Amino acid sequence: MKLSGRNVLITGAARRIGREIALTLAGRGANLLLHYRDSRREARGLQEEIRKRGVRCEILCCDFSPRGGAGLERRAAGFIQKAERKLGPLDVLIHNASLYFSTVFGEVREKSWDELLGVNLKTPFFLSQAAGRLMFRRKCGKIINLTDSAVANPANGYAPYTISKAGLAAMTICLARELAPHVQVNAVAPGPILPPPGMKAPRRAKVTERTLLKRFGTPADIAQTVLYLIEGTDYVTGAVIPVDGGCAAA
């Protein structure tokens, strides 16, 4: 699929990896719909930057967390309808929005479970269901999920987060089967890409030591993998591609 003139929705697109994906796809001529929750200022700034490149770019706010209210299935379906009204029929859906925080086993509360599983797994499923049915009818489309390479070797203290990302990897295969042969569904599994704000030097060193390449990756590494799954091939589906500096092999 050539991106020029195609319509792409990216969730959680205002900052960090989402921002890099948006800029990369805009550089290939894609029209973009950028979803955000709290980062309105960053989303507006990114929108202006992308529009200067001569491609369409719209932004759309939605809170998919439990605090956004009941009825996520309806919210997701309504969001896809709004996205297509603003941008046109969607060709690509990229699930980048994610929550990440520690939950100590034995002290996990239902609120944290619902937040992590809701945003990281439930939301991508119902957005994919709404958009995927439309793509299937049009006999063209791609869905790309961002999971986590830590699923293969989970860290203590992050059980609900890791479970949500493992579910997203399983969802990738399920949807690839459900939407074949017209829609390709794949996932990218980042490893250490951007250190969290405030990470101390000793912790950074420990993280990079667990990679074969002995360094953090960059958002561009993820964006280029996403670009490959869109433009580089139409013969990959149901795959989860690790971009982790060799963590899984270390």
Foldseek 3Di string as FASTA:
>chain_A
DQQAAAEEEEEPQQDFLNVLLVVVSLVSHHAYEYEDEPPPVSQVVSQVVSVVSVHHYHYDYADQACVRDDDSLVVLLVVQVVSCVVTNQHAEYEYDDADDDFAAPVRDDPNVLRRHLRNLAVSVVSNCVNNLVVQLVVLGHEYEYEAAPCLLPPDHRGVSNSVSRVNVLVVQQVVCVVSPPRYAGEYEHEAQADDDPPDDPVVLQVRLVLAPQSHHHYSVLVSVVVVCPVPVDSPDHSYYHYPYNHNVPD
